[in-house]
Structures are given as C-alpha cells and as structure tokens.
Amino acid sequence: MKYYILAGEASGDLHGSNLIKEIFKQDKNAQIRCWGGDLMQQAGAELVSHYKERAFMGFGEIIKNLSSILDFIKFCKQDIEDYKPDALIFIDNSGFNLRIAKWAKPAGFNTFYYISPQVWASRAGRVETIKKTIDHMYVVLPFVKPFYEKYNYNVTYVGHPLIDAIQNHPTKEAKDFRIENKLSDKPIIALLPGSRKQEITKMLTGMLSVVNDYPDYQFVIAGAPSQDYSFYQQFIKNENIKFISNKTYALLKNATAALVTSGTATLETALLKVPEVVCYKGSWLSYQIAKRIITLKYISLVNLIMDEEVVTELIQEKFTTKNIKKELDKILEPNYKKQLLAKYEVLEQKLGGVGASEKTAKLIIKDLKALLQNH
C-alpha cells in the first residue's frame, strides 16, 4: 500500500522515522512518501520537503512568511493528488497538517493522525475540524484520550514513542563520550535551547548568564539538527561553554543537570533521568496572545502528565539569571535530585511502556484495510 506522511519538526521526524520502520516491517509492499527530515529519509521514505524549509515560529513570523506557507500548502495538495496514497498520515504540526486534512478528507483520502495537535492546550474548537477530517487518531499522552471523549471523539492511546527511541539509543561510556567531544572531566550541565534561531537566541542568552557562577561545571549546548555550528559561535565566549551538535540523547545520558526549553525535550530529559529546570521566553506579542488562548496550568509535558509541578517552570518574566541560579542550585542538591528521580519513575510508568511505534503501525494498517473494504 502507499503511504504519505507529514511531519513538521525535529521531534516529528524522529517519531515519523520509527513509524516508517514499523510500517515497512508490517507491510512488505509499502511505498512511503513524506514531508519530514533526515531520519524519515534514512528510514526509507522518499523525502519531498525538509522541515527546515518550513521552520516558522511565532505569530509575527508566520504572518511575515504567509506567502511561502500558502505556496507549500498548494504544492503539498498537488503532490498528494499526483501520488494518490492509500493512507495520509499526519504527525503533530497542526498549523500545516489541519489545513491539508480539511482539503484531503472531502477529496476522498483516508486520513490518520499520530500524536495529536495540542488542542487540549488551546483552541479546543479545532476538535470539530479533527472530527470531520480525521478517520483515526492515535495519541501518545494519557490525558489526551479523556479530553477527546468529552467531545464524543474516540481516539486510541498507544503509549509514548520516546520510550522506544530512548531504549534504542546506544549508551557510550562517559570517558569515551568526553574524549570524542573534547569535553573536560567537569560535571556537565546540558543546555537545550530549542531548534529555531530566534528561540535559541532568547534562551541561550538567559541560560548562559549563570555560567560564571558555576566554575566547577561545564555548560554544554545541545545543537539542533536544523542549525549550523556557525550560528552558535556567537554564544561560546567562555572556556566553560562547549557545543555538541545532533547528539542530545548522548549528552543527556552524561549530564548532571539540564536547563531545557519547553517542548518535547522536557519529557526526553525526564525519561533520561536528568534533573531539569524548564525555561521559556517568547516575544512580548506572542506571549500576550498565547496567554489568552492557552488554558493549561503548566507548559512542560512532565508536569502535565503528572498533573503537578514536578519540574520548575521559569516562564517569561520568571526566566531571570537570579531564578535560573536558584533553581539550578536546587536540582544539583543530592536529596532534591533523589526525590525528583523518584517522580520520573512514576512518569515513565504512566506513559505505558515500550512499543508505541509498532502498535501504531499495526493499527494504521488494520484501520486502513477496514476503510478500504468499506469504500
């Protein structure tokens, strides 16, 4: 069967690649075309458009690049029409994917959504669009299924694919990791500043403001696959600041603590058992708009899943040098760290164990066959 998969960022590329591998195992005749990244391409899909080309963030930037975004949507629709897939699979990335879904369902395509858009966080009205345009939804967070049930939409909870991704990641001896990446013997504080330029600039400016307070540690920036080293050079002004590109899991496995920009990385850090402080600062306009439409108590996935403040969140005006230092001191303290790691164990149990990618691939194929029989 023919599959067309749409993902729009680094995390979608990771989960999309693991889904692709499982689809190929379950369907020996599978042909897969995708919008994604290097990992999806390496997994065997034919890459049409890289997510780097579409990395627009914040309301202002989207308005500024509206013409390009509309061109991408037009090209995507045409490419789907030409390819005629049996299944159209969307991964997160709601802004782009729901626009395609609104067109695709009336056009006669079978539609599947893996990793729900964050309609549970803001603009719940989009649930109606999803109900009308998506045949089957597979969710990866336990609280999302009851959320959709309130709207009479039945979705399937498959567990979180990050557990598989982390388990499948090879572990390197600390000594080898340090030698390979030219790091010193000092304990590591990992910095995960996000993936888009404007976000990285804001986050690193704050995160690195405490470097001189911790001479006994080395601060290691996790470079995003979407950015070149040349962009990060402006921030590396101290011998205690190091840089590693595209090795975030390996870095976290060797880190003592981490400062993490909100998003999937907060969950990855917790599942890798690293004490963390969650940080975020957007532009004034984006923050004012977000504040009015986001209905959540927390912004980090760790706290949302646990429904309590397990990790501290330093958001907007709270993201200051003084607060970063205070919270970093806290997570470096052994007793606090022990309590935090115990909470992380509970978090992992809540996420349903291994096998999310395999389970989702099997369900998509089963549900697709049922839809094709009914046509």
Protein backbone atom coordinates (compact mmCIF):
# COMPACT_ATOMS: atom_id res chain seq x y z
CA MET A 1 0.00 0.00 0.00
CA LYS A 2 1.01 3.63 -0.49
CA TYR A 3 1.51 5.96 2.50
CA TYR A 4 2.05 9.72 2.57
CA ILE A 5 3.37 11.04 5.92
CA LEU A 6 3.52 14.70 7.00
CA ALA A 7 5.76 15.87 9.88
CA GLY A 8 6.97 19.41 10.52
CA GLU A 9 9.83 19.49 13.03
CA ALA A 10 12.72 17.50 14.56
CA SER A 11 10.56 15.54 17.05
CA GLY A 12 8.06 14.68 14.30
CA ASP A 13 10.96 13.48 12.14
CA LEU A 14 12.15 11.19 14.96
CA HIS A 15 8.73 9.67 15.63
CA GLY A 16 7.95 9.54 11.92
CA SER A 17 11.17 7.60 11.24
CA ASN A 18 10.32 4.96 13.86
CA LEU A 19 6.77 4.68 12.49
CA ILE A 20 8.15 4.24 8.94
CA LYS A 21 10.46 1.41 10.06
CA GLU A 22 7.49 -0.37 11.65
CA ILE A 23 5.23 0.14 8.61
CA PHE A 24 7.88 -1.47 6.40
CA LYS A 25 8.01 -4.44 8.81
CA GLN A 26 4.22 -4.85 8.82
CA ASP A 27 3.61 -4.14 5.11
CA LYS A 28 6.30 -5.65 2.88
CA ASN A 29 4.87 -3.85 -0.19
CA ALA A 30 4.74 -0.42 1.46
CA GLN A 31 5.70 2.65 -0.57
CA ILE A 32 6.19 5.77 1.56
CA ARG A 33 6.50 9.40 0.53
CA CYS A 34 6.97 12.08 3.20
CA TRP A 35 7.40 15.65 4.35
CA GLY A 36 9.85 15.36 7.24
CA GLY A 37 13.59 15.24 7.76
CA ASP A 38 16.81 13.25 7.50
CA LEU A 39 15.66 10.48 9.87
CA MET A 40 12.48 9.75 7.90
CA GLN A 41 14.52 9.67 4.70
CA GLN A 42 17.08 7.32 6.28
CA ALA A 43 14.23 5.05 7.41
CA GLY A 44 13.39 4.51 3.74
CA ALA A 45 10.76 7.11 2.82
CA GLU A 46 11.05 9.33 -0.24
CA LEU A 47 11.54 12.87 1.11
CA VAL A 48 9.56 15.59 -0.69
CA SER A 49 10.22 18.59 1.59
CA HIS A 50 12.51 19.03 4.61
CA TYR A 51 11.03 20.55 7.79
CA LYS A 52 13.94 23.05 7.88
CA GLU A 53 12.33 24.82 4.92
CA ARG A 54 9.17 25.41 6.96
CA ALA A 55 10.54 26.34 10.40
CA PHE A 56 8.36 29.40 11.04
CA MET A 57 7.74 30.18 14.69
CA GLY A 58 5.54 32.70 16.48
CA PHE A 59 2.60 34.70 15.18
CA GLY A 60 4.75 37.50 13.75
CA GLU A 61 6.99 35.20 11.73
CA ILE A 62 4.02 33.24 10.35
CA ILE A 63 2.37 36.46 9.13
CA LYS A 64 5.65 37.60 7.57
CA ASN A 65 6.06 34.28 5.70
CA LEU A 66 2.39 33.74 4.83
CA SER A 67 3.02 33.73 1.09
CA SER A 68 5.66 30.95 1.40
CA ILE A 69 3.39 28.91 3.70
CA LEU A 70 0.50 29.14 1.20
CA ASP A 71 2.85 28.01 -1.59
CA PHE A 72 3.87 24.97 0.50
CA ILE A 73 0.21 24.09 1.12
CA LYS A 74 -0.64 24.37 -2.59
CA PHE A 75 2.37 22.25 -3.60
CA CYS A 76 1.60 19.64 -0.92
CA LYS A 77 -2.01 19.20 -2.09
CA GLN A 78 -0.86 18.77 -5.69
CA ASP A 79 1.81 16.25 -4.69
CA ILE A 80 -0.70 14.18 -2.70
CA GLU A 81 -3.12 14.25 -5.64
CA ASP A 82 -0.39 13.06 -8.02
CA TYR A 83 0.85 10.31 -5.65
CA LYS A 84 -2.66 9.01 -4.78
CA PRO A 85 -1.77 7.41 -1.41
CA ASP A 86 -3.97 4.81 0.29
CA ALA A 87 -3.24 6.49 3.62
CA LEU A 88 -2.40 10.05 4.56
CA ILE A 89 -0.69 10.16 7.99
CA PHE A 90 -0.26 13.43 9.90
CA ILE A 91 2.21 13.80 12.78
CA ASP A 92 1.56 16.71 15.22
CA ASN A 93 2.32 20.11 13.48
CA SER A 94 -1.32 21.23 13.50
CA GLY A 95 -0.99 24.59 11.71
CA PHE A 96 0.06 22.95 8.46
CA ASN A 97 -1.46 19.49 8.85
CA LEU A 98 -5.02 20.51 9.69
CA ARG A 99 -5.12 22.73 6.62
CA ILE A 100 -4.17 19.75 4.47
CA ALA A 101 -6.63 17.48 6.33
CA LYS A 102 -9.54 19.91 5.68
CA TRP A 103 -8.89 19.51 1.98
CA ALA A 104 -7.88 15.83 1.95
CA LYS A 105 -10.93 14.22 3.60
CA PRO A 106 -13.52 15.77 1.23
CA ALA A 107 -11.14 14.91 -1.63
CA GLY A 108 -11.57 11.24 -0.73
CA PHE A 109 -8.31 10.36 1.08
CA ASN A 110 -8.08 8.10 4.16
CA THR A 111 -6.70 10.22 6.98
CA PHE A 112 -4.84 9.23 10.14
CA TYR A 113 -3.31 11.42 12.85
CA TYR A 114 -0.40 10.21 15.01
CA ILE A 115 0.45 12.43 18.01
CA SER A 116 -2.46 14.80 18.44
CA PRO A 117 -2.15 18.53 17.86
CA GLN A 118 -2.21 20.34 21.20
CA VAL A 119 -5.91 21.12 21.04
CA TRP A 120 -6.02 20.15 24.73
CA ALA A 121 -3.82 23.21 25.43
CA SER A 122 -5.52 25.88 23.32
CA ARG A 123 -8.25 26.49 20.74
CA ALA A 124 -10.27 23.38 21.59
CA GLY A 125 -12.61 24.42 18.75
CA ARG A 126 -10.19 22.63 16.42
CA VAL A 127 -11.56 19.33 17.75
CA GLU A 128 -14.56 19.82 15.44
CA THR A 129 -12.19 20.10 12.45
CA ILE A 130 -10.41 16.91 13.56
CA LYS A 131 -13.70 15.02 13.97
CA LYS A 132 -14.76 15.97 10.44
CA THR A 133 -11.41 15.39 8.72
CA ILE A 134 -9.54 12.56 10.52
CA ASP A 135 -10.63 8.91 10.27
CA HIS A 136 -8.44 7.66 13.14
CA MET A 137 -6.38 9.43 15.80
CA TYR A 138 -3.56 7.78 17.82
CA VAL A 139 -2.49 9.73 20.92
CA VAL A 140 0.70 9.41 22.96
CA LEU A 141 -0.21 11.19 26.21
CA PRO A 142 -2.56 9.50 28.71
CA PHE A 143 -4.68 12.59 29.48
CA VAL A 144 -5.49 13.26 25.81
CA LYS A 145 -7.91 10.33 25.36
CA PRO A 146 -10.33 11.52 28.12
CA PHE A 147 -10.01 15.05 26.71
CA TYR A 148 -11.33 13.90 23.31
CA GLU A 149 -14.03 11.76 24.92
CA LYS A 150 -15.60 14.96 26.29
CA TYR A 151 -16.19 15.88 22.62
CA ASN A 152 -17.55 12.42 21.68
CA TYR A 153 -14.48 11.57 19.63
CA ASN A 154 -12.94 8.15 20.23
CA VAL A 155 -9.14 8.10 19.93
CA THR A 156 -6.62 5.34 20.67
CA TYR A 157 -3.90 5.77 23.32
CA VAL A 158 -0.76 3.97 22.09
CA GLY A 159 1.85 4.97 24.70
CA HIS A 160 4.75 7.35 24.05
CA PRO A 161 7.29 6.61 21.27
CA LEU A 162 10.02 8.45 23.20
CA ILE A 163 10.38 5.40 25.46
CA ASP A 164 11.30 3.31 22.40
CA ALA A 165 13.57 6.00 20.97
CA ILE A 166 15.48 6.27 24.27
CA GLN A 167 15.73 2.50 24.77
CA ASN A 168 17.05 2.02 21.23
CA HIS A 169 19.70 4.71 21.66
CA PRO A 170 23.21 3.28 22.24
CA THR A 171 24.91 4.24 25.51
CA LYS A 172 28.53 5.40 25.38
CA GLU A 173 30.94 5.19 28.28
CA ALA A 174 31.28 8.63 29.89
CA LYS A 175 35.05 8.67 29.30
CA ASP A 176 34.68 7.87 25.58
CA PHE A 177 31.91 10.46 25.19
CA ARG A 178 34.06 13.18 26.74
CA ILE A 179 37.15 12.32 24.66
CA GLU A 180 35.15 12.13 21.42
CA ASN A 181 33.54 15.53 22.05
CA LYS A 182 36.61 17.28 23.53
CA LEU A 183 34.97 17.79 26.92
CA SER A 184 36.77 18.15 30.24
CA ASP A 185 36.25 15.96 33.33
CA LYS A 186 34.00 18.56 34.98
CA PRO A 187 30.35 17.54 35.54
CA ILE A 188 28.07 18.59 32.69
CA ILE A 189 25.11 20.97 32.76
CA ALA A 190 23.28 20.40 29.46
CA LEU A 191 21.59 23.33 27.73
CA LEU A 192 18.70 22.52 25.37
CA PRO A 193 17.72 25.90 23.90
CA GLY A 194 15.25 24.75 21.22
CA SER A 195 15.60 24.45 17.47
CA ARG A 196 14.71 27.76 15.79
CA LYS A 197 17.10 30.71 15.59
CA GLN A 198 15.02 33.32 17.39
CA GLU A 199 14.13 30.82 20.14
CA ILE A 200 17.76 29.68 20.59
CA THR A 201 19.00 33.29 20.82
CA LYS A 202 16.49 34.19 23.55
CA MET A 203 17.02 31.00 25.52
CA LEU A 204 20.82 30.83 25.38
CA THR A 205 21.18 34.48 26.38
CA GLY A 206 19.39 33.65 29.64
CA MET A 207 20.80 30.16 30.21
CA LEU A 208 24.41 31.26 29.75
CA SER A 209 24.03 34.22 32.12
CA VAL A 210 24.85 31.90 35.07
CA VAL A 211 28.00 30.27 33.66
CA ASN A 212 30.42 32.29 35.82
CA ASP A 213 28.56 31.20 38.97
CA TYR A 214 29.47 27.55 38.30
CA PRO A 215 33.23 27.34 37.61
CA ASP A 216 33.30 23.65 38.66
CA TYR A 217 30.86 22.65 35.88
CA GLN A 218 30.97 22.77 32.09
CA PHE A 219 27.90 24.03 30.20
CA VAL A 220 27.31 22.05 27.01
CA ILE A 221 24.92 23.40 24.36
CA ALA A 222 22.88 20.76 22.51
CA GLY A 223 22.96 21.93 18.89
CA ALA A 224 19.75 21.40 16.92
CA PRO A 225 19.98 19.38 13.67
CA SER A 226 18.32 22.31 11.88
CA GLN A 227 21.13 24.82 12.71
CA ASP A 228 24.82 25.05 11.78
CA TYR A 229 27.66 25.49 14.26
CA SER A 230 28.39 28.95 12.79
CA PHE A 231 25.12 30.23 14.29
CA TYR A 232 26.08 29.05 17.81
CA GLN A 233 29.60 30.50 17.76
CA GLN A 234 28.38 33.93 18.95
CA PHE A 235 27.36 32.35 22.29
CA ILE A 236 30.58 30.45 23.04
CA LYS A 237 32.54 33.16 24.86
CA ASN A 238 33.93 31.18 27.78
CA GLU A 239 36.06 28.03 28.13
CA ASN A 240 33.32 26.55 30.35
CA ILE A 241 30.87 26.67 27.41
CA LYS A 242 31.05 23.73 24.98
CA PHE A 243 28.98 22.70 21.97
CA ILE A 244 27.80 19.34 20.66
CA SER A 245 25.61 19.00 17.58
CA ASN A 246 22.89 16.42 16.99
CA LYS A 247 23.84 14.22 19.99
CA THR A 248 21.24 15.33 22.52
CA TYR A 249 20.49 11.88 24.00
CA ALA A 250 24.18 11.06 24.43
CA LEU A 251 24.70 14.46 26.07
CA LEU A 252 21.78 13.99 28.48
CA LYS A 253 22.97 10.49 29.41
CA ASN A 254 26.23 12.09 30.56
CA ALA A 255 24.75 15.22 32.17
CA THR A 256 24.37 16.02 35.87
CA ALA A 257 21.59 18.57 35.29
CA ALA A 258 19.88 20.41 32.42
CA LEU A 259 18.23 23.71 31.50
CA VAL A 260 15.58 22.84 28.93
CA THR A 261 13.38 24.91 26.64
CA SER A 262 9.74 23.79 26.96
CA GLY A 263 8.56 21.21 24.45
CA THR A 264 9.23 17.52 23.82
CA ALA A 265 12.77 17.96 25.21
CA THR A 266 11.37 18.36 28.75
CA LEU A 267 9.94 14.83 28.55
CA GLU A 268 13.09 13.40 26.92
CA THR A 269 15.22 14.86 29.73
CA ALA A 270 12.97 13.37 32.42
CA LEU A 271 12.89 9.92 30.75
CA LEU A 272 16.71 10.02 30.62
CA LYS A 273 16.60 10.71 34.39
CA VAL A 274 18.29 14.11 34.34
CA PRO A 275 17.21 16.77 36.89
CA GLU A 276 15.97 19.77 34.88
CA VAL A 277 14.66 23.32 35.02
CA VAL A 278 12.14 24.13 32.28
CA CYS A 279 12.63 27.54 30.65
CA TYR A 280 10.73 29.60 28.10
CA LYS A 281 10.62 33.17 26.88
CA GLY A 282 8.79 34.27 23.74
CA SER A 283 8.38 37.69 22.17
CA TRP A 284 6.08 40.05 24.09
CA LEU A 285 3.37 39.83 21.39
CA SER A 286 3.49 36.02 21.08
CA TYR A 287 3.35 35.66 24.86
CA GLN A 288 0.36 38.03 25.21
CA ILE A 289 -1.57 36.12 22.54
CA ALA A 290 -0.58 32.69 23.94
CA LYS A 291 -1.55 33.73 27.48
CA ARG A 292 -5.08 34.43 26.27
CA ILE A 293 -5.61 31.18 24.36
CA ILE A 294 -3.67 28.58 26.38
CA THR A 295 -5.80 27.03 29.10
CA LEU A 296 -3.21 24.90 30.94
CA LYS A 297 -1.78 25.05 34.45
CA TYR A 298 1.67 24.00 33.18
CA ILE A 299 3.65 24.18 29.96
CA SER A 300 6.03 21.24 30.37
CA LEU A 301 4.86 17.76 29.39
CA VAL A 302 6.36 16.34 32.59
CA ASN A 303 4.06 18.45 34.79
CA LEU A 304 1.04 18.00 32.51
CA ILE A 305 1.30 14.20 32.58
CA MET A 306 1.90 14.11 36.34
CA ASP A 307 -0.70 16.85 36.96
CA GLU A 308 1.61 18.51 39.49
CA GLU A 309 4.69 20.72 39.41
CA VAL A 310 7.41 18.07 39.35
CA VAL A 311 9.89 20.29 37.49
CA THR A 312 10.13 24.06 37.97
CA GLU A 313 8.97 26.20 35.05
CA LEU A 314 10.64 29.58 34.53
CA ILE A 315 8.35 31.27 32.03
CA GLN A 316 8.65 34.76 30.52
CA GLU A 317 9.36 37.31 33.32
CA LYS A 318 10.39 34.47 35.69
CA PHE A 319 13.19 33.50 33.31
CA THR A 320 15.89 35.61 35.02
CA THR A 321 19.52 34.99 35.98
CA LYS A 322 18.61 35.05 39.67
CA ASN A 323 15.85 32.44 39.27
CA ILE A 324 17.91 30.20 36.98
CA LYS A 325 20.71 30.13 39.58
CA LYS A 326 18.27 29.46 42.44
CA GLU A 327 16.61 26.52 40.64
CA LEU A 328 19.88 25.11 39.32
CA ASP A 329 21.30 25.07 42.86
CA LYS A 330 18.19 23.18 43.95
CA ILE A 331 18.43 20.38 41.35
CA LEU A 332 22.17 19.95 41.99
CA GLU A 333 21.45 19.20 45.65
CA PRO A 334 21.57 15.36 46.20
CA ASN A 335 18.40 14.96 48.33
CA TYR A 336 16.29 17.08 45.97
CA LYS A 337 17.67 15.13 43.00
CA LYS A 338 16.69 11.81 44.65
CA GLN A 339 13.08 12.97 45.14
CA LEU A 340 12.90 14.23 41.56
CA LEU A 341 14.18 10.95 40.09
CA ALA A 342 11.54 9.03 42.07
CA LYS A 343 8.86 11.20 40.39
CA TYR A 344 10.45 10.49 37.00
CA GLU A 345 9.97 6.74 37.60
CA VAL A 346 6.23 7.29 38.15
CA LEU A 347 6.11 9.43 34.99
CA GLU A 348 7.63 6.63 32.91
CA GLN A 349 5.09 4.12 34.22
CA LYS A 350 2.25 6.49 33.26
CA LEU A 351 3.48 6.56 29.66
CA GLY A 352 2.64 2.92 29.04
CA GLY A 353 5.94 1.16 28.35
CA VAL A 354 7.61 0.22 25.09
CA GLY A 355 6.13 -0.47 21.65
CA ALA A 356 4.24 2.71 20.67
CA SER A 357 5.63 2.86 17.12
CA GLU A 358 4.94 -0.83 16.44
CA LYS A 359 1.45 -0.62 17.95
CA THR A 360 0.60 2.47 15.86
CA ALA A 361 1.87 0.96 12.59
CA LYS A 362 -0.23 -2.19 13.16
CA LEU A 363 -3.33 -0.12 14.00
CA ILE A 364 -2.93 2.15 10.94
CA ILE A 365 -2.64 -0.86 8.63
CA LYS A 366 -5.62 -2.62 10.28
CA ASP A 367 -7.77 0.53 10.26
CA LEU A 368 -6.74 1.33 6.68
CA LYS A 369 -7.76 -2.15 5.46
CA ALA A 370 -11.16 -1.71 7.14
CA LEU A 371 -11.65 1.69 5.45
CA LEU A 372 -10.64 0.32 2.02
CA GLN A 373 -13.11 -2.58 2.38
CA ASN A 374 -15.91 -0.15 3.19
CA HIS A 375 -15.24 2.12 0.19
